[in-house]
Amino acid sequence: MNLFLGFSVFIGCFSLILSFFMMLIGIELFSSQLCCMVEWDIFSLGGVLIKACFLFDQLSILYGGVVMLISGVVFIYSSVYLAGDVNFRRFILLVILFVGSMFLMIFSPNLISILLGWDGLGLVSYCLVIYYQNVKSNSAGMITILSNRVGDLAILISISWLLNFGDWNFIYFSYLVEDKFVLLVFGLVMIAAMTKSAQVPFSAWLPAAMAAPTPVSSLVHSSTLVTAGVYLMIRFSSFLEMNLVLLTVGILTLFMSGLGANFEMDLSKVIALSTLSQLGFMMLGVSIGMSELAYFHMVTHALFKSLLFLCAGIYIHSNFNSQNVMLLGGLGKMSPVVSLFFMVSSLSLCGFPFLGGFYSKDLLLLMFLPISLNFVFLFMVMTGVFFTICYSVRLVLWSYFSGFKGKSFLGMGENLVMLVPMSFLFIMAVSGGSIFSWVFITPSILYMIGNLGLVMLLALCLLPFLVYQKMFLGNGMFSGVLLEKWFSLMWGLSILTSWMFIPLLGSSIKTLKSIDQGWLELLGSQGVYGNFMFVVGLFENFIFKGLSGLMLLFMIMVLFLILII
């Protein structure tokens, strides 16, 4: 155990150093607009050349640096958070496999190699979700892997369809945009991205996957697994100008998850629903043709959201694994450093001026406003953005300004080994947006952001009164129990998803008994083998009866030959 604890810290430190250089190279590639493509001819089979292809450009290297930064922090954080766990060795190996699968997907311009990384993400995430081996974890893992199988099937169909074009590298598709068959491939890839990024109607698996350990949630549900679909859509952005289907899905996801987070009392699920809300916001950016700004928001969101998950993990771990927000209180006095990290991350999530989320989120919202859409879409987007501020302020009020409650008397015990790597994420959550803004946007746009930032600041000041009314007075606008339950269940999607898979799982038992253990035993390979052995047994008994049996067999053979002649 001690060996793997040291190994985890070593891998974490190495990842942090490597992430620094990868980010510098990515920023340099953005300014120089250079890229490098490496092809490795593995072997030739029947005239078909099997090759591995890797694309090193500004998108892949910068995002790879962000993934390495968060994974390095998670490795060091886990050496303390899971120090007493008996399966810590398995956890570290699974996280290494997960990061490797993510890198295979990031640096691949080929759909087949992307499928390998895509399937690796789904399989390893299932193993991480069921890490605690209880009923809740197993159910969450089953919903997660079955929902992601839909996207895997879509990618498999698109790979088979690309045989018509002779290559699986999608970087050449921009020359074939007018071909309707290539648009079919894009539609399949869009379905795959929706399942992996938990867009409506595939949203139920993301809050359920919070059954995984907190370091897994920080890595998987902030910067890797859930953003893999957004990253894939950015890679296919050459097909996009204005996609109304993707725009509708993104707006519905943004509004639904933001509304549900205001009625959720589980700390980890509130943060998961906020991730889902931001994923809908990124899909909105991709759908209106602002893929570069969506990528910018994806990078900054990964930085402050992973820090938010890690802070929540310390609170949960120190409160006897209780995730109920109502049992938290007075945390600012118990853990001042972690509370500072948590509040700054929440403000960055809200788009507070001059923090990381301000430069990406507010700019993306500003680019959306001039688009000529109906009033319903505009209302849902603005309301979804305000919901983000509302549940963030609600979470801060419950955690820091509601007084001590029972278990919150327990000392937090801020560990220096956990705080030092978290401080790197804190610095990036504060200054990352400002640093990357010089790469993605020009300073002339920043003056326009100021007015929108002022609006967000006013909303941040006004919405706490609504939150206070909902929390402490109990007579808010949505005080009905059934209505609150409906909103917290994401408009019934979690129930619908469970009911959809239960008959499928129940039919597998009937299929096993009626087919595999039924007539297939008699007519399949097992039945043929049994019948053959029965006939062989008859011949053995007949031959070993003695001389009379041999003579009778000889006479039968002679008679058979005579009849033939």
Protein backbone atom coordinates (compact mmCIF):
# COMPACT_ATOMS: atom_id res chain seq x y z
CA MET A 1 0.00 0.00 0.00
CA ASN A 2 2.75 2.47 0.94
CA LEU A 3 4.52 1.73 -2.35
CA PHE A 4 1.44 2.69 -4.35
CA LEU A 5 0.87 5.80 -2.24
CA GLY A 6 4.37 6.99 -3.15
CA PHE A 7 3.83 5.94 -6.76
CA SER A 8 0.62 7.99 -6.87
CA VAL A 9 2.43 11.11 -5.59
CA PHE A 10 5.27 10.57 -8.10
CA ILE A 11 2.87 10.20 -11.04
CA GLY A 12 1.01 13.29 -9.87
CA CYS A 13 4.14 15.44 -9.68
CA PHE A 14 5.29 14.21 -13.10
CA SER A 15 1.86 15.02 -14.58
CA LEU A 16 1.91 18.54 -13.15
CA ILE A 17 5.34 19.26 -14.68
CA LEU A 18 4.32 17.77 -18.02
CA SER A 19 1.06 19.74 -18.07
CA PHE A 20 2.97 23.02 -17.69
CA PHE A 21 5.06 22.36 -20.79
CA MET A 22 2.06 21.08 -22.79
CA MET A 23 0.11 24.25 -22.04
CA LEU A 24 3.02 26.43 -23.13
CA ILE A 25 3.36 24.46 -26.37
CA GLY A 26 -0.40 24.66 -26.96
CA ILE A 27 -0.46 28.44 -26.49
CA GLU A 28 2.51 28.78 -28.86
CA LEU A 29 0.76 26.65 -31.49
CA PHE A 30 -2.34 28.88 -31.22
CA SER A 31 -0.22 31.92 -32.05
CA SER A 32 1.76 30.24 -34.85
CA GLN A 33 -1.13 28.13 -36.26
CA LEU A 34 1.16 25.12 -36.75
CA CYS A 35 0.36 21.45 -36.34
CA CYS A 36 2.08 18.08 -36.66
CA MET A 37 0.53 14.87 -37.94
CA VAL A 38 2.27 11.52 -37.35
CA GLU A 39 1.34 8.37 -39.26
CA TRP A 40 2.66 4.96 -38.30
CA ASP A 41 2.20 2.14 -40.82
CA ILE A 42 1.58 -0.91 -38.64
CA PHE A 43 1.13 -3.59 -41.31
CA SER A 44 -0.53 -4.28 -44.67
CA LEU A 45 -3.28 -6.88 -45.01
CA GLY A 46 -4.64 -7.81 -48.41
CA GLY A 47 -3.72 -4.50 -49.96
CA VAL A 48 -5.26 -2.52 -47.05
CA LEU A 49 -2.75 -0.46 -45.10
CA ILE A 50 -3.39 -0.52 -41.36
CA LYS A 51 -1.91 2.61 -39.79
CA ALA A 52 -2.04 4.62 -36.59
CA CYS A 53 -2.43 8.37 -36.94
CA PHE A 54 -1.90 11.08 -34.32
CA LEU A 55 -2.61 14.80 -34.67
CA PHE A 56 -0.66 17.27 -32.53
CA ASP A 57 -2.23 20.70 -32.94
CA GLN A 58 -3.24 23.57 -30.68
CA LEU A 59 -6.56 22.01 -29.67
CA SER A 60 -5.20 18.61 -28.71
CA ILE A 61 -2.01 19.71 -26.94
CA LEU A 62 -3.60 22.50 -24.88
CA TYR A 63 -6.51 20.31 -23.83
CA GLY A 64 -4.10 17.45 -23.13
CA GLY A 65 -2.19 19.80 -20.83
CA VAL A 66 -5.40 20.61 -18.93
CA VAL A 67 -6.17 16.89 -18.56
CA MET A 68 -2.63 16.23 -17.29
CA LEU A 69 -2.94 19.10 -14.78
CA ILE A 70 -6.21 17.81 -13.32
CA SER A 71 -5.08 14.16 -13.34
CA GLY A 72 -1.85 15.12 -11.56
CA VAL A 73 -3.80 16.92 -8.84
CA VAL A 74 -6.16 13.94 -8.54
CA PHE A 75 -3.24 11.48 -8.14
CA ILE A 76 -1.75 13.48 -5.26
CA TYR A 77 -5.18 14.18 -3.73
CA SER A 78 -6.10 10.47 -3.83
CA SER A 79 -2.96 9.48 -1.90
CA VAL A 80 -4.58 11.12 1.15
CA TYR A 81 -8.28 10.78 0.36
CA LEU A 82 -8.10 7.01 -0.28
CA ALA A 83 -5.03 6.22 1.83
CA GLY A 84 -6.83 3.61 3.93
CA ASP A 85 -8.69 1.96 1.08
CA VAL A 86 -7.82 -1.71 0.47
CA ASN A 87 -8.35 -1.36 -3.28
CA PHE A 88 -6.15 1.71 -3.75
CA ARG A 89 -3.86 -0.16 -6.15
CA ARG A 90 -6.79 -0.96 -8.42
CA PHE A 91 -7.95 2.64 -8.25
CA ILE A 92 -4.60 4.04 -9.39
CA LEU A 93 -4.35 1.57 -12.28
CA LEU A 94 -7.88 2.41 -13.41
CA VAL A 95 -7.17 6.15 -13.36
CA ILE A 96 -3.99 5.59 -15.42
CA LEU A 97 -6.00 3.58 -17.95
CA PHE A 98 -8.63 6.30 -18.02
CA VAL A 99 -6.12 9.07 -18.71
CA GLY A 100 -4.50 6.91 -21.42
CA SER A 101 -7.88 6.37 -23.10
CA MET A 102 -8.57 10.10 -22.97
CA PHE A 103 -5.24 10.88 -24.63
CA LEU A 104 -5.91 8.30 -27.33
CA MET A 105 -9.18 10.07 -28.13
CA ILE A 106 -7.73 13.59 -27.97
CA PHE A 107 -4.77 13.03 -30.31
CA SER A 108 -6.57 10.82 -32.87
CA PRO A 109 -7.91 12.21 -36.17
CA ASN A 110 -9.05 8.71 -37.07
CA LEU A 111 -12.49 7.40 -36.11
CA ILE A 112 -11.24 3.87 -35.42
CA SER A 113 -8.59 5.00 -32.95
CA ILE A 114 -11.12 7.43 -31.50
CA LEU A 115 -13.43 4.47 -30.95
CA LEU A 116 -10.69 2.69 -29.00
CA GLY A 117 -10.29 5.68 -26.69
CA TRP A 118 -14.06 6.23 -26.61
CA ASP A 119 -14.77 2.64 -25.56
CA GLY A 120 -11.88 2.76 -23.12
CA LEU A 121 -13.43 5.82 -21.45
CA GLY A 122 -16.79 4.10 -21.15
CA LEU A 123 -15.43 0.81 -19.82
CA VAL A 124 -13.00 2.31 -17.31
CA SER A 125 -15.59 4.84 -16.12
CA TYR A 126 -17.95 1.93 -15.43
CA CYS A 127 -15.24 0.24 -13.35
CA LEU A 128 -14.67 3.49 -11.44
CA VAL A 129 -18.37 4.15 -10.82
CA ILE A 130 -18.86 0.66 -9.29
CA TYR A 131 -15.65 1.07 -7.25
CA TYR A 132 -17.41 0.86 -3.86
CA GLN A 133 -19.23 -2.38 -4.82
CA ASN A 134 -22.65 -1.63 -3.35
CA VAL A 135 -26.16 -1.63 -4.76
CA LYS A 136 -26.21 2.12 -5.47
CA SER A 137 -22.85 2.01 -7.26
CA ASN A 138 -23.82 -1.04 -9.33
CA SER A 139 -27.10 0.57 -10.42
CA ALA A 140 -25.35 3.82 -11.33
CA GLY A 141 -22.68 1.93 -13.26
CA MET A 142 -25.29 -0.01 -15.22
CA ILE A 143 -27.16 3.17 -16.23
CA THR A 144 -23.85 4.81 -17.18
CA ILE A 145 -22.56 2.05 -19.42
CA LEU A 146 -25.93 1.32 -21.08
CA SER A 147 -26.45 4.99 -21.90
CA ASN A 148 -22.96 5.26 -23.38
CA ARG A 149 -23.47 2.10 -25.45
CA VAL A 150 -25.89 4.06 -27.64
CA GLY A 151 -23.10 6.45 -28.61
CA ASP A 152 -20.67 3.59 -29.19
CA LEU A 153 -23.15 2.03 -31.60
CA ALA A 154 -23.47 5.33 -33.49
CA ILE A 155 -19.69 5.57 -33.92
CA LEU A 156 -19.51 1.95 -35.10
CA ILE A 157 -22.16 2.64 -37.76
CA SER A 158 -20.32 5.79 -38.88
CA ILE A 159 -17.06 3.82 -39.17
CA SER A 160 -18.72 1.22 -41.39
CA TRP A 161 -20.32 3.96 -43.50
CA LEU A 162 -16.96 5.69 -44.03
CA LEU A 163 -15.80 2.64 -46.00
CA ASN A 164 -17.56 4.34 -48.92
CA PHE A 165 -14.92 7.09 -48.83
CA GLY A 166 -11.83 4.93 -48.41
CA ASP A 167 -10.47 6.52 -45.24
CA TRP A 168 -11.44 7.02 -41.60
CA ASN A 169 -9.56 10.29 -41.05
CA PHE A 170 -12.19 12.97 -40.49
CA ILE A 171 -9.82 15.91 -41.08
CA TYR A 172 -10.43 15.53 -44.83
CA PHE A 173 -14.22 15.72 -44.50
CA SER A 174 -14.31 19.49 -44.85
CA TYR A 175 -13.90 18.96 -48.60
CA LEU A 176 -16.98 16.72 -48.67
CA VAL A 177 -19.44 18.85 -46.71
CA GLU A 178 -21.94 18.95 -49.58
CA ASP A 179 -22.12 15.15 -49.72
CA LYS A 180 -25.31 13.98 -48.03
CA PHE A 181 -23.69 10.71 -46.95
CA VAL A 182 -21.01 12.59 -45.00
CA LEU A 183 -23.80 14.54 -43.32
CA LEU A 184 -25.25 11.19 -42.25
CA VAL A 185 -21.93 10.40 -40.58
CA PHE A 186 -22.05 13.77 -38.86
CA GLY A 187 -25.55 12.98 -37.54
CA LEU A 188 -24.32 9.71 -36.05
CA VAL A 189 -21.34 11.45 -34.45
CA MET A 190 -23.70 14.06 -33.01
CA ILE A 191 -25.78 11.30 -31.34
CA ALA A 192 -22.58 9.82 -29.90
CA ALA A 193 -21.53 13.22 -28.55
CA MET A 194 -24.95 13.73 -26.97
CA THR A 195 -24.75 10.44 -25.08
CA LYS A 196 -21.20 11.00 -23.82
CA SER A 197 -21.89 14.60 -22.79
CA ALA A 198 -25.21 13.65 -21.12
CA GLN A 199 -27.42 15.89 -23.23
CA VAL A 200 -31.20 15.56 -23.24
CA PRO A 201 -32.57 12.82 -23.35
CA PHE A 202 -29.42 11.00 -22.13
CA SER A 203 -28.91 13.18 -19.04
CA ALA A 204 -29.86 10.79 -16.24
CA TRP A 205 -26.57 8.90 -16.06
CA LEU A 206 -24.40 11.87 -15.03
CA PRO A 207 -25.99 12.59 -11.60
CA ALA A 208 -26.22 8.84 -10.96
CA ALA A 209 -22.48 8.45 -11.66
CA MET A 210 -21.74 10.55 -8.55
CA ALA A 211 -21.66 7.21 -6.70
CA ALA A 212 -17.98 7.05 -7.70
CA PRO A 213 -15.22 8.33 -5.34
CA THR A 214 -14.80 12.11 -5.29
CA PRO A 215 -11.38 12.13 -7.06
CA VAL A 216 -13.03 10.19 -9.89
CA SER A 217 -15.82 12.77 -10.09
CA SER A 218 -13.24 15.56 -10.22
CA LEU A 219 -11.41 13.95 -13.14
CA VAL A 220 -14.18 12.12 -14.99
CA HIS A 221 -17.05 14.55 -14.64
CA SER A 222 -15.24 17.84 -15.12
CA SER A 223 -12.59 17.55 -17.82
CA THR A 224 -12.51 14.14 -19.46
CA LEU A 225 -15.50 11.84 -19.92
CA VAL A 226 -18.35 14.35 -20.13
CA THR A 227 -16.40 16.83 -22.26
CA ALA A 228 -15.33 14.12 -24.71
CA GLY A 229 -18.57 14.61 -26.64
CA VAL A 230 -18.08 18.38 -26.80
CA TYR A 231 -14.48 17.91 -27.94
CA LEU A 232 -15.61 15.53 -30.70
CA MET A 233 -18.20 18.05 -31.91
CA ILE A 234 -15.52 20.75 -31.99
CA ARG A 235 -13.40 18.45 -34.15
CA PHE A 236 -16.36 18.12 -36.54
CA SER A 237 -17.09 21.86 -36.43
CA SER A 238 -16.38 22.18 -40.16
CA PHE A 239 -19.89 20.74 -40.71
CA LEU A 240 -21.50 23.28 -38.44
CA GLU A 241 -22.77 26.72 -39.22
CA MET A 242 -26.12 26.86 -37.42
CA ASN A 243 -27.52 23.55 -36.20
CA LEU A 244 -30.99 23.98 -34.74
CA VAL A 245 -31.19 20.40 -33.43
CA LEU A 246 -28.02 20.73 -31.40
CA LEU A 247 -29.06 24.23 -30.30
CA THR A 248 -32.40 22.97 -28.99
CA VAL A 249 -30.77 20.08 -27.16
CA GLY A 250 -28.17 22.34 -25.56
CA ILE A 251 -30.74 24.91 -24.40
CA LEU A 252 -33.01 22.22 -22.92
CA THR A 253 -30.06 20.68 -21.08
CA LEU A 254 -28.96 24.08 -19.77
CA PHE A 255 -32.42 25.00 -18.51
CA MET A 256 -33.41 21.59 -17.11
CA SER A 257 -30.20 20.95 -15.15
CA GLY A 258 -30.01 24.51 -13.82
CA LEU A 259 -33.58 24.30 -12.56
CA GLY A 260 -33.03 20.86 -11.03
CA ALA A 261 -29.89 21.97 -9.18
CA ASN A 262 -31.93 24.57 -7.28
CA PHE A 263 -34.07 21.80 -5.74
CA GLU A 264 -31.37 19.19 -5.12
CA MET A 265 -30.10 18.68 -1.56
CA ASP A 266 -27.21 16.31 -2.35
CA LEU A 267 -23.93 18.27 -2.54
CA SER A 268 -22.27 16.11 -5.20
CA LYS A 269 -25.41 16.02 -7.33
CA VAL A 270 -25.72 19.81 -7.23
CA ILE A 271 -22.20 20.08 -8.65
CA ALA A 272 -22.99 17.32 -11.18
CA LEU A 273 -26.08 19.18 -12.37
CA SER A 274 -24.02 22.36 -12.66
CA THR A 275 -21.59 20.42 -14.87
CA LEU A 276 -24.54 19.27 -16.96
CA SER A 277 -25.73 22.86 -17.26
CA GLN A 278 -22.33 24.03 -18.50
CA LEU A 279 -22.17 21.14 -20.98
CA GLY A 280 -25.45 22.37 -22.44
CA PHE A 281 -23.93 25.84 -22.64
CA MET A 282 -20.89 24.45 -24.53
CA MET A 283 -23.18 22.59 -26.95
CA LEU A 284 -25.03 25.86 -27.48
CA GLY A 285 -21.74 27.50 -28.47
CA VAL A 286 -20.87 24.71 -30.89
CA SER A 287 -24.34 24.79 -32.45
CA ILE A 288 -24.14 28.51 -33.34
CA GLY A 289 -20.74 28.08 -35.00
CA MET A 290 -18.66 29.45 -32.11
CA SER A 291 -16.66 26.25 -31.66
CA GLU A 292 -13.47 28.07 -30.64
CA LEU A 293 -15.27 29.93 -27.85
CA ALA A 294 -16.94 26.67 -26.78
CA TYR A 295 -13.47 25.13 -26.58
CA PHE A 296 -12.29 28.12 -24.53
CA HIS A 297 -15.16 27.63 -22.06
CA MET A 298 -14.51 23.89 -21.93
CA VAL A 299 -10.90 24.52 -20.86
CA THR A 300 -11.71 27.14 -18.21
CA HIS A 301 -14.68 25.14 -16.91
CA ALA A 302 -12.51 22.05 -16.43
CA LEU A 303 -10.15 24.04 -14.19
CA PHE A 304 -12.61 25.53 -11.69
CA LYS A 305 -15.10 22.64 -11.76
CA SER A 306 -12.44 20.05 -10.84
CA LEU A 307 -11.41 22.27 -7.92
CA LEU A 308 -15.06 22.50 -6.88
CA PHE A 309 -15.37 18.70 -6.83
CA LEU A 310 -12.19 18.32 -4.76
CA CYS A 311 -13.40 20.85 -2.18
CA ALA A 312 -16.74 19.07 -1.95
CA GLY A 313 -14.87 15.79 -1.44
CA ILE A 314 -13.07 17.20 1.60
CA TYR A 315 -16.38 18.34 3.09
CA ILE A 316 -18.03 14.96 2.46
CA HIS A 317 -15.05 13.00 3.75
CA SER A 318 -14.86 15.06 6.94
CA ASN A 319 -18.62 14.89 7.68
CA PHE A 320 -18.90 11.09 7.99
CA ASN A 321 -19.57 10.79 4.22
CA SER A 322 -22.76 12.83 4.52
CA GLN A 323 -23.66 14.63 1.30
CA ASN A 324 -26.79 16.41 2.53
CA VAL A 325 -26.41 20.17 2.15
CA MET A 326 -28.75 20.77 5.08
CA LEU A 327 -26.26 19.08 7.46
CA LEU A 328 -23.46 21.43 6.48
CA GLY A 329 -22.89 24.78 8.12
CA GLY A 330 -20.17 26.98 9.51
CA LEU A 331 -17.59 25.46 7.21
CA GLY A 332 -15.78 28.76 6.72
CA LYS A 333 -14.47 28.68 10.28
CA MET A 334 -13.65 24.97 10.22
CA SER A 335 -11.75 24.93 6.92
CA PRO A 336 -10.82 28.46 5.81
CA VAL A 337 -8.47 27.52 2.94
CA VAL A 338 -10.82 24.96 1.38
CA SER A 339 -13.70 27.40 1.83
CA LEU A 340 -11.73 30.05 -0.05
CA PHE A 341 -11.13 27.59 -2.90
CA PHE A 342 -14.81 26.60 -2.93
CA MET A 343 -16.17 30.14 -2.97
CA VAL A 344 -13.80 31.35 -5.66
CA SER A 345 -14.66 28.34 -7.82
CA SER A 346 -18.38 29.03 -7.33
CA LEU A 347 -17.90 32.67 -8.30
CA SER A 348 -15.94 31.62 -11.38
CA LEU A 349 -18.81 29.28 -12.27
CA CYS A 350 -21.21 32.20 -12.01
CA GLY A 351 -19.06 34.29 -14.37
CA PHE A 352 -17.96 36.77 -11.72
CA PRO A 353 -15.89 39.58 -13.31
CA PHE A 354 -12.21 38.88 -13.89
CA LEU A 355 -12.30 35.26 -12.72
CA GLY A 356 -11.77 32.30 -15.04
CA GLY A 357 -15.38 31.74 -16.08
CA PHE A 358 -15.97 35.42 -16.81
CA TYR A 359 -13.79 35.51 -19.92
CA SER A 360 -15.32 32.43 -21.56
CA LYS A 361 -18.90 32.12 -20.31
CA ASP A 362 -19.90 35.77 -20.61
CA LEU A 363 -18.27 36.11 -24.02
CA LEU A 364 -20.10 33.04 -25.32
CA LEU A 365 -23.36 34.43 -23.98
CA LEU A 366 -22.60 37.76 -25.63
CA MET A 367 -22.08 36.06 -28.98
CA PHE A 368 -25.42 34.28 -28.61
CA LEU A 369 -27.52 37.38 -27.93
CA PRO A 370 -27.38 38.98 -31.45
CA ILE A 371 -28.61 35.77 -33.11
CA SER A 372 -32.16 36.06 -34.40
CA LEU A 373 -34.03 33.39 -32.47
CA ASN A 374 -37.47 33.18 -30.89
CA PHE A 375 -38.20 34.63 -27.47
CA VAL A 376 -38.55 31.19 -25.84
CA PHE A 377 -34.95 30.20 -26.61
CA LEU A 378 -33.63 33.55 -25.42
CA PHE A 379 -35.66 33.35 -22.21
CA MET A 380 -34.52 29.78 -21.46
CA VAL A 381 -30.84 30.64 -22.00
CA MET A 382 -30.90 33.75 -19.82
CA THR A 383 -32.93 31.97 -17.14
CA GLY A 384 -30.54 29.01 -17.21
CA VAL A 385 -27.59 31.37 -16.71
CA PHE A 386 -29.35 33.02 -13.76
CA PHE A 387 -30.13 29.57 -12.32
CA THR A 388 -26.38 29.00 -12.15
CA ILE A 389 -25.97 32.03 -9.93
CA CYS A 390 -28.99 31.03 -7.87
CA TYR A 391 -27.90 27.51 -6.92
CA SER A 392 -24.30 28.64 -6.37
CA VAL A 393 -25.39 31.31 -3.90
CA ARG A 394 -27.80 28.84 -2.29
CA LEU A 395 -24.96 26.37 -1.80
CA VAL A 396 -22.72 29.02 -0.26
CA LEU A 397 -25.49 30.17 2.09
CA TRP A 398 -26.17 26.64 3.33
CA SER A 399 -22.49 25.82 3.78
CA TYR A 400 -21.07 28.98 5.33
CA PHE A 401 -23.81 31.25 6.66
CA SER A 402 -26.38 28.88 8.17
CA GLY A 403 -24.60 28.11 11.47
CA PHE A 404 -23.28 24.86 12.88
CA LYS A 405 -25.39 21.74 12.42
CA GLY A 406 -24.58 18.45 14.10
CA LYS A 407 -21.83 16.79 12.14
CA SER A 408 -20.32 20.09 11.07
CA PHE A 409 -18.70 20.35 14.52
CA LEU A 410 -16.17 17.78 13.31
CA GLY A 411 -12.78 19.31 12.52
CA MET A 412 -12.03 19.45 8.82
CA GLY A 413 -8.34 18.63 9.10
CA GLU A 414 -6.95 20.44 6.03
CA ASN A 415 -4.10 18.26 4.84
CA LEU A 416 -1.12 20.05 3.30
CA VAL A 417 -0.58 17.25 0.75
CA MET A 418 -4.09 17.88 -0.56
CA LEU A 419 -3.98 21.67 -0.39
CA VAL A 420 -0.71 22.18 -2.31
CA PRO A 421 -1.89 20.56 -5.60
CA MET A 422 -5.33 22.14 -5.17
CA SER A 423 -3.61 25.53 -5.00
CA PHE A 424 -2.38 25.01 -8.60
CA LEU A 425 -5.97 24.54 -9.72
CA PHE A 426 -6.96 27.58 -7.65
CA ILE A 427 -4.40 29.76 -9.43
CA MET A 428 -5.58 28.51 -12.82
CA ALA A 429 -9.26 28.94 -11.85
CA VAL A 430 -8.53 32.60 -11.02
CA SER A 431 -6.08 33.53 -13.79
CA GLY A 432 -6.60 30.82 -16.42
CA GLY A 433 -9.38 32.68 -18.19
CA SER A 434 -7.31 35.85 -18.38
CA ILE A 435 -4.27 33.95 -19.68
CA PHE A 436 -6.16 32.00 -22.32
CA SER A 437 -8.22 35.03 -23.37
CA TRP A 438 -5.13 36.47 -25.07
CA VAL A 439 -5.09 33.32 -27.20
CA PHE A 440 -8.77 32.98 -28.09
CA ILE A 441 -10.11 36.55 -28.24
CA THR A 442 -8.91 40.03 -29.06
CA PRO A 443 -8.82 42.88 -26.53
CA SER A 444 -11.36 44.89 -28.54
CA ILE A 445 -14.13 42.49 -27.50
CA LEU A 446 -13.35 42.79 -23.79
CA TYR A 447 -14.97 46.22 -23.64
CA MET A 448 -18.26 44.66 -24.76
CA ILE A 449 -18.01 42.01 -22.06
CA GLY A 450 -18.01 44.64 -19.35
CA ASN A 451 -21.71 45.54 -19.79
CA LEU A 452 -22.78 41.91 -19.66
CA GLY A 453 -20.54 41.34 -16.64
CA LEU A 454 -22.28 44.24 -14.91
CA VAL A 455 -25.64 42.59 -15.54
CA MET A 456 -24.33 39.32 -14.09
CA LEU A 457 -22.98 41.18 -11.07
CA LEU A 458 -26.40 42.80 -10.45
CA ALA A 459 -28.06 39.39 -10.76
CA LEU A 460 -25.55 38.02 -8.27
CA CYS A 461 -26.64 40.69 -5.81
CA LEU A 462 -30.41 40.26 -6.38
CA LEU A 463 -30.79 36.49 -6.50
CA PRO A 464 -29.65 35.81 -2.90
CA PHE A 465 -32.94 37.33 -1.73
CA LEU A 466 -34.82 34.70 -3.75
CA VAL A 467 -32.54 32.00 -2.39
CA TYR A 468 -33.02 33.25 1.17
CA GLN A 469 -36.78 33.14 0.69
CA LYS A 470 -36.60 29.58 -0.61
CA MET A 471 -34.21 28.34 2.09
CA PHE A 472 -35.38 29.95 5.30
CA LEU A 473 -38.91 31.22 4.79
CA GLY A 474 -40.22 28.12 3.00
CA ASN A 475 -42.87 29.99 1.01
CA GLY A 476 -41.08 30.40 -2.27
CA MET A 477 -42.60 30.18 -5.69
CA PHE A 478 -41.98 26.41 -5.99
CA SER A 479 -42.85 25.20 -2.50
CA GLY A 480 -44.91 22.18 -3.54
CA VAL A 481 -43.36 18.83 -2.64
CA LEU A 482 -44.41 17.09 -5.85
CA LEU A 483 -43.18 19.99 -7.98
CA GLU A 484 -39.82 20.03 -6.20
CA LYS A 485 -39.49 16.27 -6.68
CA TRP A 486 -40.32 16.63 -10.37
CA PHE A 487 -37.66 19.30 -10.90
CA SER A 488 -34.98 17.43 -8.89
CA LEU A 489 -35.59 14.31 -11.00
CA MET A 490 -34.82 16.31 -14.17
CA TRP A 491 -38.39 16.25 -15.47
CA GLY A 492 -38.65 12.50 -14.90
CA LEU A 493 -35.67 11.59 -17.08
CA SER A 494 -34.03 9.52 -14.34
CA ILE A 495 -37.21 7.48 -13.81
CA LEU A 496 -37.76 7.12 -17.56
CA THR A 497 -34.19 5.94 -18.07
CA SER A 498 -34.50 3.35 -15.32
CA TRP A 499 -37.84 2.05 -16.59
CA MET A 500 -36.47 1.89 -20.11
CA PHE A 501 -33.59 -0.40 -19.14
CA ILE A 502 -35.38 -2.58 -16.54
CA PRO A 503 -37.39 -4.62 -19.13
CA LEU A 504 -34.22 -5.03 -21.18
CA LEU A 505 -32.29 -6.36 -18.20
CA GLY A 506 -35.22 -8.54 -17.12
CA SER A 507 -35.57 -10.06 -20.59
CA SER A 508 -31.94 -11.22 -20.47
CA ILE A 509 -32.83 -13.78 -17.76
CA LYS A 510 -35.71 -15.13 -19.86
CA THR A 511 -33.45 -15.25 -22.90
CA LEU A 512 -30.83 -17.18 -20.96
CA LYS A 513 -33.31 -19.80 -19.77
CA SER A 514 -35.29 -20.18 -23.00
CA ILE A 515 -32.48 -19.98 -25.58
CA ASP A 516 -29.03 -20.51 -24.08
CA GLN A 517 -30.20 -23.12 -21.59
CA GLY A 518 -33.18 -24.28 -23.70
CA TRP A 519 -33.48 -25.40 -27.29
CA LEU A 520 -30.01 -24.03 -28.15
CA GLU A 521 -28.56 -26.69 -25.84
CA LEU A 522 -30.18 -29.38 -27.99
CA LEU A 523 -29.76 -27.93 -31.48
CA GLY A 524 -26.55 -26.02 -30.97
CA SER A 525 -22.97 -27.21 -30.63
CA GLN A 526 -23.63 -28.77 -27.23
CA GLY A 527 -26.53 -30.83 -28.61
CA VAL A 528 -24.57 -31.95 -31.71
CA TYR A 529 -21.69 -33.01 -29.50
CA GLY A 530 -24.03 -35.03 -27.22
CA ASN A 531 -25.73 -36.80 -30.14
CA PHE A 532 -22.39 -37.60 -31.74
CA MET A 533 -21.05 -39.07 -28.50
CA PHE A 534 -24.21 -41.19 -28.18
CA VAL A 535 -23.69 -42.71 -31.64
CA VAL A 536 -20.01 -43.33 -30.91
CA GLY A 537 -20.98 -45.07 -27.70
CA LEU A 538 -23.32 -47.40 -29.57
CA PHE A 539 -20.55 -48.38 -31.97
CA GLU A 540 -18.16 -48.99 -29.09
CA ASN A 541 -20.61 -51.29 -27.35
CA PHE A 542 -21.27 -53.11 -30.60
CA ILE A 543 -17.60 -53.61 -31.45
CA PHE A 544 -16.45 -54.76 -28.01
CA LYS A 545 -19.16 -57.42 -27.67
CA GLY A 546 -16.79 -60.01 -29.16
CA LEU A 547 -16.18 -61.96 -32.34
CA SER A 548 -19.87 -62.23 -33.19
CA GLY A 549 -20.15 -58.51 -33.29
CA LEU A 550 -17.12 -58.20 -35.58
CA MET A 551 -18.46 -60.89 -37.93
CA LEU A 552 -21.82 -59.19 -38.13
CA LEU A 553 -20.13 -55.87 -38.87
CA PHE A 554 -18.01 -57.59 -41.58
CA MET A 555 -21.11 -59.12 -43.21
CA ILE A 556 -22.88 -55.76 -43.21
CA MET A 557 -19.92 -54.15 -44.94
CA VAL A 558 -19.71 -56.94 -47.57
CA LEU A 559 -23.42 -56.67 -48.25
CA PHE A 560 -23.08 -52.91 -48.63
CA LEU A 561 -20.25 -53.35 -51.16
CA ILE A 562 -22.23 -55.88 -53.18
CA LEU A 563 -25.19 -53.56 -53.37
CA ILE A 564 -22.96 -50.76 -54.59
CA ILE A 565 -21.29 -52.90 -57.26
